[in-house]
Amino acid sequence: MNSELKKQLRAKAHALKAIIITGQSGITPALLIEINLALDHHELIKVRINAEDREQRREMAEIIRSETGAELIHSIGHVITIYRVKPDK
């Protein structure tokens, strides 16, 4: 993914609200299923990661990215923006 496309996706995501919020349990299989369903439906989503430590948030973002096959578009504070092309049906 090139930087121009990431820039366009960041601009598009600006108006979006986080539709997935991680709970106290962290990243669970059920949460990953919900993220996958949201990506299948929307392609571009925001996820709020409720972790106090910056390093924990980075690790959780990497787990989400790798488990879902999504591309990390942007990360600021507790919110990450991820993108995955809709699968053909």
Protein backbone atom coordinates (compact mmCIF):
# COMPACT_ATOMS: atom_id res chain seq x y z
CA MET A 1 0.00 0.00 0.00
CA ASN A 2 1.49 3.32 -1.02
CA SER A 3 1.54 6.49 1.06
CA GLU A 4 -0.92 8.31 -1.21
CA LEU A 5 -3.59 5.66 -0.65
CA LYS A 6 -2.93 5.72 3.11
CA LYS A 7 -3.35 9.50 3.05
CA GLN A 8 -6.70 9.18 1.25
CA LEU A 9 -7.88 6.51 3.68
CA ARG A 10 -6.85 8.62 6.70
CA ALA A 11 -8.88 11.51 5.29
CA LYS A 12 -11.87 9.23 4.69
CA ALA A 13 -11.60 7.80 8.23
CA HIS A 14 -11.47 11.21 9.87
CA ALA A 15 -15.27 11.39 10.21
CA LEU A 16 -15.62 7.80 11.41
CA LYS A 17 -16.18 6.80 15.01
CA ALA A 18 -14.62 3.74 16.61
CA ILE A 19 -17.07 0.88 15.99
CA ILE A 20 -15.11 -1.72 17.95
CA ILE A 21 -13.92 -1.13 21.51
CA THR A 22 -11.65 -3.57 23.30
CA GLY A 23 -12.74 -4.44 26.82
CA GLN A 24 -10.89 -5.33 29.98
CA SER A 25 -10.32 -8.83 28.61
CA GLY A 26 -8.13 -7.45 25.85
CA ILE A 27 -8.10 -9.21 22.51
CA THR A 28 -10.31 -12.28 22.58
CA PRO A 29 -11.34 -14.65 19.77
CA ALA A 30 -14.83 -13.10 19.90
CA LEU A 31 -13.36 -9.62 19.46
CA LEU A 32 -11.34 -10.76 16.45
CA ILE A 33 -14.50 -12.24 14.91
CA GLU A 34 -16.29 -8.91 15.38
CA ILE A 35 -13.39 -7.01 13.83
CA ASN A 36 -13.35 -9.40 10.85
CA LEU A 37 -17.11 -8.96 10.37
CA ALA A 38 -16.78 -5.17 10.56
CA LEU A 39 -13.92 -5.20 8.03
CA ASP A 40 -15.94 -7.44 5.68
CA HIS A 41 -18.80 -4.99 5.85
CA HIS A 42 -17.04 -1.59 5.98
CA GLU A 43 -13.43 -2.14 4.77
CA LEU A 44 -12.20 0.86 6.79
CA ILE A 45 -12.83 0.89 10.55
CA LYS A 46 -11.58 2.43 13.76
CA VAL A 47 -10.86 0.33 16.83
CA ARG A 48 -10.48 1.80 20.32
CA ILE A 49 -7.87 -0.06 22.35
CA ASN A 50 -8.37 0.28 26.09
CA ALA A 51 -4.84 -0.19 27.36
CA GLU A 52 -3.02 2.29 29.55
CA ASP A 53 0.52 1.65 28.36
CA ARG A 54 1.61 2.85 24.91
CA GLU A 55 3.64 -0.32 24.32
CA GLN A 56 0.62 -2.48 25.18
CA ARG A 57 -1.48 -0.54 22.65
CA ARG A 58 1.19 -1.09 19.98
CA GLU A 59 1.31 -4.81 20.71
CA MET A 60 -2.48 -5.12 20.63
CA ALA A 61 -2.65 -3.16 17.36
CA GLU A 62 -0.08 -5.52 15.84
CA ILE A 63 -2.03 -8.58 17.00
CA ILE A 64 -5.24 -7.17 15.50
CA ARG A 65 -3.46 -6.33 12.26
CA SER A 66 -1.81 -9.72 11.89
CA GLU A 67 -4.84 -11.80 12.94
CA THR A 68 -7.25 -9.98 10.62
CA GLY A 69 -4.95 -9.48 7.66
CA ALA A 70 -5.73 -5.76 7.72
CA GLU A 71 -3.41 -2.87 6.99
CA LEU A 72 -2.74 -0.39 9.81
CA ILE A 73 -3.57 3.02 8.35
CA HIS A 74 -3.22 5.26 11.37
CA SER A 75 -2.75 5.11 15.11
CA ILE A 76 -3.32 8.00 17.46
CA GLY A 77 -3.83 7.69 21.18
CA HIS A 78 -6.11 4.77 21.95
CA VAL A 79 -7.64 4.59 18.44
CA ILE A 80 -6.30 2.70 15.44
CA THR A 81 -7.63 2.81 11.90
CA ILE A 82 -7.37 -0.39 9.88
CA TYR A 83 -8.28 -1.25 6.30
CA ARG A 84 -8.88 -4.48 4.44
CA VAL A 85 -10.37 -4.87 0.97
CA LYS A 86 -13.79 -6.53 0.95
CA PRO A 87 -13.61 -10.14 -0.14
CA ASP A 88 -15.36 -10.99 -3.41
CA LYS A 89 -18.51 -12.98 -2.93
